[in-house]
PDB file of N, CA and C in Angstrom:
ATOM      1  N   UNK A   1      46.354   5.878  17.217  1.00  0.00           N
ATOM      2  CA  UNK A   1      46.741   6.462  15.939  1.00  0.00           C
ATOM      3  C   UNK A   1      46.397   5.470  14.833  1.00  0.00           C
ATOM      4  N   UNK A   2      45.824   5.948  13.763  1.00  0.00           N
ATOM      5  CA  UNK A   2      45.293   5.084  12.721  1.00  0.00           C
ATOM      6  C   UNK A   2      46.362   4.277  11.998  1.00  0.00           C
ATOM      7  N   UNK A   3      47.587   4.775  11.888  1.00  0.00           N
ATOM      8  CA  UNK A   3      48.594   4.042  11.127  1.00  0.00           C
ATOM      9  C   UNK A   3      49.255   2.927  11.935  1.00  0.00           C
ATOM     10  N   UNK A   4      48.925   2.764  13.213  1.00  0.00           N
ATOM     11  CA  UNK A   4      49.390   1.656  14.016  1.00  0.00           C
ATOM     12  C   UNK A   4      50.766   1.816  14.628  1.00  0.00           C
ATOM     13  N   UNK A   5      51.386   2.946  14.492  1.00  0.00           N
ATOM     14  CA  UNK A   5      52.695   3.179  15.087  1.00  0.00           C
ATOM     15  C   UNK A   5      52.542   3.600  16.543  1.00  0.00           C
ATOM     16  N   UNK A   6      53.563   3.300  17.352  1.00  0.00           N
ATOM     17  CA  UNK A   6      53.553   3.722  18.745  1.00  0.00           C
ATOM     18  C   UNK A   6      53.629   5.247  18.814  1.00  0.00           C
ATOM     19  N   UNK A   7      52.751   5.837  19.597  1.00  0.00           N
ATOM     20  CA  UNK A   7      52.724   7.286  19.722  1.00  0.00           C
ATOM     21  C   UNK A   7      53.710   7.718  20.804  1.00  0.00           C
ATOM     22  N   UNK A   8      54.858   8.179  20.382  1.00  0.00           N
ATOM     23  CA  UNK A   8      55.877   8.700  21.291  1.00  0.00           C
ATOM     24  C   UNK A   8      55.675  10.207  21.404  1.00  0.00           C
ATOM     25  N   UNK A   9      56.331  10.865  22.352  1.00  0.00           N
ATOM     26  CA  UNK A   9      56.227  12.327  22.418  1.00  0.00           C
ATOM     27  C   UNK A   9      56.691  13.009  21.119  1.00  0.00           C
ATOM     28  N   UNK A  10      57.742  12.490  20.490  1.00  0.00           N
ATOM     29  CA  UNK A  10      58.192  13.071  19.221  1.00  0.00           C
ATOM     30  C   UNK A  10      57.134  12.916  18.144  1.00  0.00           C
ATOM     31  N   UNK A  11      56.580  11.709  18.026  1.00  0.00           N
ATOM     32  CA  UNK A  11      55.542  11.472  17.007  1.00  0.00           C
ATOM     33  C   UNK A  11      54.309  12.332  17.281  1.00  0.00           C
ATOM     34  N   UNK A  12      53.913  12.428  18.533  1.00  0.00           N
ATOM     35  CA  UNK A  12      52.732  13.222  18.876  1.00  0.00           C
ATOM     36  C   UNK A  12      52.908  14.674  18.439  1.00  0.00           C
ATOM     37  N   UNK A  13      54.086  15.234  18.691  1.00  0.00           N
ATOM     38  CA  UNK A  13      54.351  16.618  18.302  1.00  0.00           C
ATOM     39  C   UNK A  13      54.327  16.787  16.788  1.00  0.00           C
ATOM     40  N   UNK A  14      55.023  15.902  16.088  1.00  0.00           N
ATOM     41  CA  UNK A  14      55.090  15.997  14.625  1.00  0.00           C
ATOM     42  C   UNK A  14      53.712  15.780  14.006  1.00  0.00           C
ATOM     43  N   UNK A  15      52.997  14.771  14.454  1.00  0.00           N
ATOM     44  CA  UNK A  15      51.660  14.499  13.914  1.00  0.00           C
ATOM     45  C   UNK A  15      50.757  15.706  14.122  1.00  0.00           C
ATOM     46  N   UNK A  16      50.827  16.299  15.303  1.00  0.00           N
ATOM     47  CA  UNK A  16      49.974  17.455  15.584  1.00  0.00           C
ATOM     48  C   UNK A  16      50.175  18.562  14.540  1.00  0.00           C
ATOM     49  N   UNK A  17      51.405  18.887  14.241  1.00  0.00           N
ATOM     50  CA  UNK A  17      51.659  20.013  13.345  1.00  0.00           C
ATOM     51  C   UNK A  17      51.664  19.638  11.866  1.00  0.00           C
ATOM     52  N   UNK A  18      51.894  18.380  11.545  1.00  0.00           N
ATOM     53  CA  UNK A  18      51.958  17.989  10.131  1.00  0.00           C
ATOM     54  C   UNK A  18      50.640  17.436   9.601  1.00  0.00           C
ATOM     55  N   UNK A  19      49.700  17.098  10.480  1.00  0.00           N
ATOM     56  CA  UNK A  19      48.423  16.541  10.032  1.00  0.00           C
ATOM     57  C   UNK A  19      47.255  17.504  10.214  1.00  0.00           C
ATOM     58  N   UNK A  20      47.403  18.478  11.095  1.00  0.00           N
ATOM     59  CA  UNK A  20      46.284  19.363  11.414  1.00  0.00           C
ATOM     60  C   UNK A  20      46.491  20.726  10.766  1.00  0.00           C
ATOM     61  N   UNK A  21      45.717  21.049   9.736  1.00  0.00           N
ATOM     62  CA  UNK A  21      45.889  22.337   9.073  1.00  0.00           C
ATOM     63  C   UNK A  21      45.621  23.530   9.982  1.00  0.00           C
ATOM     64  N   UNK A  22      44.932  23.303  11.086  1.00  0.00           N
ATOM     65  CA  UNK A  22      44.618  24.373  12.031  1.00  0.00           C
ATOM     66  C   UNK A  22      45.656  24.485  13.151  1.00  0.00           C
ATOM     67  N   UNK A  23      46.726  23.711  13.096  1.00  0.00           N
ATOM     68  CA  UNK A  23      47.695  23.665  14.196  1.00  0.00           C
ATOM     69  C   UNK A  23      48.544  24.930  14.300  1.00  0.00           C
ATOM     70  N   UNK A  24      48.631  25.697  13.246  1.00  0.00           N
ATOM     71  CA  UNK A  24      49.324  26.971  13.326  1.00  0.00           C
ATOM     72  C   UNK A  24      50.791  26.955  12.956  1.00  0.00           C
ATOM     73  N   UNK A  25      51.239  25.955  12.199  1.00  0.00           N
ATOM     74  CA  UNK A  25      52.632  25.934  11.781  1.00  0.00           C
ATOM     75  C   UNK A  25      52.814  26.849  10.564  1.00  0.00           C
ATOM     76  N   UNK A  26      53.905  27.587  10.560  1.00  0.00           N
ATOM     77  CA  UNK A  26      54.219  28.451   9.429  1.00  0.00           C
ATOM     78  C   UNK A  26      54.596  27.589   8.226  1.00  0.00           C
ATOM     79  N   UNK A  27      54.291  28.081   7.028  1.00  0.00           N
ATOM     80  CA  UNK A  27      54.569  27.322   5.805  1.00  0.00           C
ATOM     81  C   UNK A  27      56.042  26.930   5.694  1.00  0.00           C
ATOM     82  N   UNK A  28      56.937  27.863   5.990  1.00  0.00           N
ATOM     83  CA  UNK A  28      58.369  27.559   5.848  1.00  0.00           C
ATOM     84  C   UNK A  28      58.824  26.506   6.862  1.00  0.00           C
ATOM     85  N   UNK A  29      58.219  26.500   8.054  1.00  0.00           N
ATOM     86  CA  UNK A  29      58.559  25.477   9.041  1.00  0.00           C
ATOM     87  C   UNK A  29      57.956  24.130   8.663  1.00  0.00           C
ATOM     88  N   UNK A  30      56.746  24.154   8.125  1.00  0.00           N
ATOM     89  CA  UNK A  30      56.122  22.921   7.648  1.00  0.00           C
ATOM     90  C   UNK A  30      57.018  22.261   6.606  1.00  0.00           C
ATOM     91  N   UNK A  31      57.485  23.041   5.646  1.00  0.00           N
ATOM     92  CA  UNK A  31      58.325  22.497   4.576  1.00  0.00           C
ATOM     93  C   UNK A  31      59.667  22.011   5.125  1.00  0.00           C
ATOM     94  N   UNK A  32      60.246  22.731   6.058  1.00  0.00           N
ATOM     95  CA  UNK A  32      61.524  22.315   6.653  1.00  0.00           C
ATOM     96  C   UNK A  32      61.364  20.974   7.366  1.00  0.00           C
ATOM     97  N   UNK A  33      60.284  20.808   8.117  1.00  0.00           N
ATOM     98  CA  UNK A  33      60.042  19.543   8.817  1.00  0.00           C
ATOM     99  C   UNK A  33      59.806  18.430   7.803  1.00  0.00           C
ATOM    100  N   UNK A  34      59.023  18.709   6.776  1.00  0.00           N
ATOM    101  CA  UNK A  34      58.748  17.706   5.741  1.00  0.00           C
ATOM    102  C   UNK A  34      60.041  17.230   5.089  1.00  0.00           C
ATOM    103  N   UNK A  35      60.963  18.143   4.865  1.00  0.00           N
ATOM    104  CA  UNK A  35      62.239  17.784   4.241  1.00  0.00           C
ATOM    105  C   UNK A  35      63.143  16.975   5.170  1.00  0.00           C
ATOM    106  N   UNK A  36      62.874  16.998   6.468  1.00  0.00           N
ATOM    107  CA  UNK A  36      63.639  16.188   7.423  1.00  0.00           C
ATOM    108  C   UNK A  36      63.136  14.749   7.488  1.00  0.00           C
ATOM    109  N   UNK A  37      61.945  14.503   6.975  1.00  0.00           N
ATOM    110  CA  UNK A  37      61.394  13.147   6.942  1.00  0.00           C
ATOM    111  C   UNK A  37      62.190  12.307   5.938  1.00  0.00           C
ATOM    112  N   UNK A  38      62.124  10.988   6.096  1.00  0.00           N
ATOM    113  CA  UNK A  38      62.862  10.131   5.170  1.00  0.00           C
ATOM    114  C   UNK A  38      62.050   8.924   4.704  1.00  0.00           C
ATOM    115  N   UNK A  39      60.742   9.071   4.713  1.00  0.00           N
ATOM    116  CA  UNK A  39      59.871   7.976   4.299  1.00  0.00           C
ATOM    117  C   UNK A  39      60.013   7.576   2.848  1.00  0.00           C
ATOM    118  N   UNK A  40      60.411   8.487   1.986  1.00  0.00           N
ATOM    119  CA  UNK A  40      60.646   8.175   0.574  1.00  0.00           C
ATOM    120  C   UNK A  40      62.106   7.820   0.331  1.00  0.00           C
ATOM    121  N   UNK A  41      62.902   7.823   1.373  1.00  0.00           N
ATOM    122  CA  UNK A  41      64.329   7.542   1.261  1.00  0.00           C
ATOM    123  C   UNK A  41      65.110   8.690   1.863  1.00  0.00           C
ATOM    124  N   UNK A  42      66.308   8.377   2.341  1.00  0.00           N
ATOM    125  CA  UNK A  42      67.115   9.426   2.972  1.00  0.00           C
ATOM    126  C   UNK A  42      67.691  10.405   1.956  1.00  0.00           C
ATOM    127  N   UNK A  43      67.853  11.625   2.401  1.00  0.00           N
ATOM    128  CA  UNK A  43      68.578  12.648   1.645  1.00  0.00           C
ATOM    129  C   UNK A  43      68.006  12.995   0.278  1.00  0.00           C
ATOM    130  N   UNK A  44      66.673  12.906   0.131  1.00  0.00           N
ATOM    131  CA  UNK A  44      66.074  13.370  -1.119  1.00  0.00           C
ATOM    132  C   UNK A  44      66.110  14.894  -1.127  1.00  0.00           C
ATOM    133  N   UNK A  45      66.525  15.485  -2.231  1.00  0.00           N
ATOM    134  CA  UNK A  45      66.573  16.949  -2.270  1.00  0.00           C
ATOM    135  C   UNK A  45      65.167  17.552  -2.254  1.00  0.00           C
ATOM    136  N   UNK A  46      65.032  18.743  -1.673  1.00  0.00           N
ATOM    137  CA  UNK A  46      63.715  19.399  -1.623  1.00  0.00           C
ATOM    138  C   UNK A  46      63.056  19.512  -2.990  1.00  0.00           C
ATOM    139  N   UNK A  47      63.839  19.710  -4.032  1.00  0.00           N
ATOM    140  CA  UNK A  47      63.267  19.834  -5.381  1.00  0.00           C
ATOM    141  C   UNK A  47      62.538  18.560  -5.789  1.00  0.00           C
ATOM    142  N   UNK A  48      63.113  17.423  -5.437  1.00  0.00           N
ATOM    143  CA  UNK A  48      62.472  16.155  -5.774  1.00  0.00           C
ATOM    144  C   UNK A  48      61.228  15.949  -4.910  1.00  0.00           C
ATOM    145  N   UNK A  49      61.319  16.269  -3.616  1.00  0.00           N
ATOM    146  CA  UNK A  49      60.152  16.145  -2.748  1.00  0.00           C
ATOM    147  C   UNK A  49      59.001  17.015  -3.234  1.00  0.00           C
ATOM    148  N   UNK A  50      59.316  18.186  -3.754  1.00  0.00           N
ATOM    149  CA  UNK A  50      58.283  19.102  -4.242  1.00  0.00           C
ATOM    150  C   UNK A  50      57.547  18.545  -5.454  1.00  0.00           C
ATOM    151  N   UNK A  51      58.174  17.634  -6.175  1.00  0.00           N
ATOM    152  CA  UNK A  51      57.565  17.056  -7.381  1.00  0.00           C
ATOM    153  C   UNK A  51      56.679  15.849  -7.071  1.00  0.00           C
ATOM    154  N   UNK A  52      56.816  15.262  -5.896  1.00  0.00           N
ATOM    155  CA  UNK A  52      56.068  14.053  -5.552  1.00  0.00           C
ATOM    156  C   UNK A  52      54.703  14.441  -4.989  1.00  0.00           C
ATOM    157  N   UNK A  53      53.655  13.995  -5.639  1.00  0.00           N
ATOM    158  CA  UNK A  53      52.271  14.223  -5.182  1.00  0.00           C
ATOM    159  C   UNK A  53      51.987  15.683  -4.845  1.00  0.00           C
ATOM    160  N   UNK A  54      52.440  16.573  -5.656  1.00  0.00           N
ATOM    161  CA  UNK A  54      52.157  17.990  -5.461  1.00  0.00           C
ATOM    162  C   UNK A  54      52.884  18.615  -4.290  1.00  0.00           C
ATOM    163  N   UNK A  55      53.929  17.977  -3.792  1.00  0.00           N
ATOM    164  CA  UNK A  55      54.731  18.558  -2.727  1.00  0.00           C
ATOM    165  C   UNK A  55      54.383  18.099  -1.322  1.00  0.00           C
ATOM    166  N   UNK A  56      53.399  17.192  -1.187  1.00  0.00           N
ATOM    167  CA  UNK A  56      53.098  16.677   0.150  1.00  0.00           C
ATOM    168  C   UNK A  56      52.457  15.308   0.029  1.00  0.00           C
ATOM    169  N   UNK A  57      52.975  14.390   0.827  1.00  0.00           N
ATOM    170  CA  UNK A  57      52.402  13.052   0.930  1.00  0.00           C
ATOM    171  C   UNK A  57      52.655  12.589   2.362  1.00  0.00           C
ATOM    172  N   UNK A  58      51.583  12.378   3.122  1.00  0.00           N
ATOM    173  CA  UNK A  58      51.713  12.015   4.528  1.00  0.00           C
ATOM    174  C   UNK A  58      52.596  10.789   4.717  1.00  0.00           C
ATOM    175  N   UNK A  59      52.591   9.859   3.766  1.00  0.00           N
ATOM    176  CA  UNK A  59      53.378   8.639   3.935  1.00  0.00           C
ATOM    177  C   UNK A  59      54.876   8.935   4.026  1.00  0.00           C
ATOM    178  N   UNK A  60      55.325  10.031   3.458  1.00  0.00           N
ATOM    179  CA  UNK A  60      56.743  10.414   3.573  1.00  0.00           C
ATOM    180  C   UNK A  60      57.099  10.702   5.027  1.00  0.00           C
ATOM    181  N   UNK A  61      56.187  11.311   5.753  1.00  0.00           N
ATOM    182  CA  UNK A  61      56.391  11.573   7.179  1.00  0.00           C
ATOM    183  C   UNK A  61      56.107  10.292   7.969  1.00  0.00           C
ATOM    184  N   UNK A  62      54.966   9.703   7.742  1.00  0.00           N
ATOM    185  CA  UNK A  62      54.517   8.527   8.501  1.00  0.00           C
ATOM    186  C   UNK A  62      55.534   7.386   8.472  1.00  0.00           C
ATOM    187  N   UNK A  63      56.127   7.141   7.326  1.00  0.00           N
ATOM    188  CA  UNK A  63      57.025   6.004   7.163  1.00  0.00           C
ATOM    189  C   UNK A  63      58.484   6.340   7.456  1.00  0.00           C
ATOM    190  N   UNK A  64      58.718   7.450   8.083  1.00  0.00           N
ATOM    191  CA  UNK A  64      60.089   7.864   8.397  1.00  0.00           C
ATOM    192  C   UNK A  64      60.710   6.989   9.482  1.00  0.00           C
ATOM    193  N   UNK A  65      62.025   6.985   9.485  1.00  0.00           N
ATOM    194  CA  UNK A  65      62.787   6.244  10.492  1.00  0.00           C
ATOM    195  C   UNK A  65      62.641   6.920  11.859  1.00  0.00           C
ATOM    196  N   UNK A  66      62.925   6.185  12.931  1.00  0.00           N
ATOM    197  CA  UNK A  66      62.896   6.808  14.261  1.00  0.00           C
ATOM    198  C   UNK A  66      63.825   8.018  14.352  1.00  0.00           C
ATOM    199  N   UNK A  67      64.957   7.948  13.681  1.00  0.00           N
ATOM    200  CA  UNK A  67      65.895   9.077  13.695  1.00  0.00           C
ATOM    201  C   UNK A  67      65.283  10.311  13.039  1.00  0.00           C
ATOM    202  N   UNK A  68      64.534  10.110  11.963  1.00  0.00           N
ATOM    203  CA  UNK A  68      63.886  11.238  11.296  1.00  0.00           C
ATOM    204  C   UNK A  68      62.800  11.844  12.181  1.00  0.00           C
ATOM    205  N   UNK A  69      62.048  10.997  12.889  1.00  0.00           N
ATOM    206  CA  UNK A  69      61.034  11.519  13.817  1.00  0.00           C
ATOM    207  C   UNK A  69      61.692  12.393  14.879  1.00  0.00           C
ATOM    208  N   UNK A  70      62.847  11.956  15.352  1.00  0.00           N
ATOM    209  CA  UNK A  70      63.588  12.736  16.350  1.00  0.00           C
ATOM    210  C   UNK A  70      64.028  14.068  15.760  1.00  0.00           C
ATOM    211  N   UNK A  71      64.540  14.062  14.533  1.00  0.00           N
ATOM    212  CA  UNK A  71      64.974  15.301  13.867  1.00  0.00           C
ATOM    213  C   UNK A  71      63.798  16.254  13.658  1.00  0.00           C
ATOM    214  N   UNK A  72      62.680  15.717  13.187  1.00  0.00           N
ATOM    215  CA  UNK A  72      61.510  16.561  12.929  1.00  0.00           C
ATOM    216  C   UNK A  72      61.011  17.203  14.224  1.00  0.00           C
ATOM    217  N   UNK A  73      60.912  16.407  15.280  1.00  0.00           N
ATOM    218  CA  UNK A  73      60.443  16.935  16.562  1.00  0.00           C
ATOM    219  C   UNK A  73      61.427  17.956  17.125  1.00  0.00           C
ATOM    220  N   UNK A  74      62.721  17.685  16.989  1.00  0.00           N
ATOM    221  CA  UNK A  74      63.729  18.624  17.486  1.00  0.00           C
ATOM    222  C   UNK A  74      63.613  19.961  16.765  1.00  0.00           C
ATOM    223  N   UNK A  75      63.401  19.928  15.451  1.00  0.00           N
ATOM    224  CA  UNK A  75      63.226  21.168  14.694  1.00  0.00           C
ATOM    225  C   UNK A  75      62.032  21.944  15.244  1.00  0.00           C
ATOM    226  N   UNK A  76      60.909  21.264  15.430  1.00  0.00           N
ATOM    227  CA  UNK A  76      59.716  21.949  15.931  1.00  0.00           C
ATOM    228  C   UNK A  76      59.976  22.585  17.288  1.00  0.00           C
ATOM    229  N   UNK A  77      60.585  21.835  18.184  1.00  0.00           N
ATOM    230  CA  UNK A  77      60.864  22.373  19.521  1.00  0.00           C
ATOM    231  C   UNK A  77      61.816  23.561  19.446  1.00  0.00           C
ATOM    232  N   UNK A  78      62.854  23.444  18.615  1.00  0.00           N
ATOM    233  CA  UNK A  78      63.836  24.533  18.479  1.00  0.00           C
ATOM    234  C   UNK A  78      63.211  25.805  17.914  1.00  0.00           C
ATOM    235  N   UNK A  79      62.121  25.656  17.180  1.00  0.00           N
ATOM    236  CA  UNK A  79      61.457  26.810  16.576  1.00  0.00           C
ATOM    237  C   UNK A  79      60.209  27.232  17.338  1.00  0.00           C
ATOM    238  N   UNK A  80      60.100  26.766  18.584  1.00  0.00           N
ATOM    239  CA  UNK A  80      59.053  27.255  19.473  1.00  0.00           C
ATOM    240  C   UNK A  80      57.716  26.571  19.381  1.00  0.00           C
ATOM    241  N   UNK A  81      57.639  25.431  18.717  1.00  0.00           N
ATOM    242  CA  UNK A  81      56.371  24.714  18.607  1.00  0.00           C
ATOM    243  C   UNK A  81      56.240  23.717  19.752  1.00  0.00           C
ATOM    244  N   UNK A  82      55.052  23.659  20.314  1.00  0.00           N
ATOM    245  CA  UNK A  82      54.760  22.695  21.371  1.00  0.00           C
ATOM    246  C   UNK A  82      53.316  22.283  21.281  1.00  0.00           C
ATOM    247  N   UNK A  83      52.980  21.234  21.984  1.00  0.00           N
ATOM    248  CA  UNK A  83      51.599  20.754  21.985  1.00  0.00           C
ATOM    249  C   UNK A  83      50.721  21.667  22.831  1.00  0.00           C
ATOM    250  N   UNK A  84      49.440  21.696  22.528  1.00  0.00           N
ATOM    251  CA  UNK A  84      48.531  22.488  23.360  1.00  0.00           C
ATOM    252  C   UNK A  84      48.646  22.046  24.818  1.00  0.00           C
ATOM    253  N   UNK A  85      48.592  23.005  25.692  1.00  0.00           N
ATOM    254  CA  UNK A  85      48.694  22.697  27.118  1.00  0.00           C
ATOM    255  C   UNK A  85      47.870  23.687  27.913  1.00  0.00           C
ATOM    256  N   UNK A  86      48.313  23.966  29.093  1.00  0.00           N
ATOM    257  CA  UNK A  86      47.577  24.868  29.972  1.00  0.00           C
ATOM    258  C   UNK A  86      47.370  26.241  29.340  1.00  0.00           C
ATOM    259  N   UNK A  87      48.364  26.725  28.603  1.00  0.00           N
ATOM    260  CA  UNK A  87      48.261  28.041  28.000  1.00  0.00           C
ATOM    261  C   UNK A  87      47.751  28.015  26.575  1.00  0.00           C
ATOM    262  N   UNK A  88      47.250  26.875  26.120  1.00  0.00           N
ATOM    263  CA  UNK A  88      46.769  26.767  24.745  1.00  0.00           C
ATOM    264  C   UNK A  88      47.898  26.393  23.810  1.00  0.00           C
ATOM    265  N   UNK A  89      47.591  26.265  22.526  1.00  0.00           N
ATOM    266  CA  UNK A  89      48.613  25.839  21.571  1.00  0.00           C
ATOM    267  C   UNK A  89      49.707  26.873  21.429  1.00  0.00           C
ATOM    268  N   UNK A  90      50.911  26.394  21.264  1.00  0.00           N
ATOM    269  CA  UNK A  90      52.049  27.270  21.011  1.00  0.00           C
ATOM    270  C   UNK A  90      52.397  27.134  19.543  1.00  0.00           C
ATOM    271  N   UNK A  91      52.715  28.239  18.924  1.00  0.00           N
ATOM    272  CA  UNK A  91      53.117  28.193  17.522  1.00  0.00           C
ATOM    273  C   UNK A  91      54.501  28.777  17.393  1.00  0.00           C
ATOM    274  N   UNK A  92      55.037  28.702  16.189  1.00  0.00           N
ATOM    275  CA  UNK A  92      56.398  29.176  15.957  1.00  0.00           C
ATOM    276  C   UNK A  92      56.565  30.642  16.264  1.00  0.00           C
ATOM    277  N   UNK A  93      57.819  31.020  16.447  1.00  0.00           N
ATOM    278  CA  UNK A  93      58.163  32.396  16.787  1.00  0.00           C
ATOM    279  C   UNK A  93      57.813  33.360  15.682  1.00  0.00           C
TER     280      UNK A  93
END
């Protein structure tokens, strides 16, 4: 991974859906996961996140705490997202 962080299963899942525009994540799920990140600081309201760099900055996700990575991955799993596997990519319900 280019940013030098250890690629854990949680990071792999989040990176797949947050970095690849072709990954198939729904817009509302993308935004929900982005709001769970804490790279710009914990508990920033969605309104403030929407104002920073046009509403998306990878560093907000990339620089998140391990706890935030766990939250983001848990959200994706709970909403039916998984990495491509034998049956191909899985997307949200």
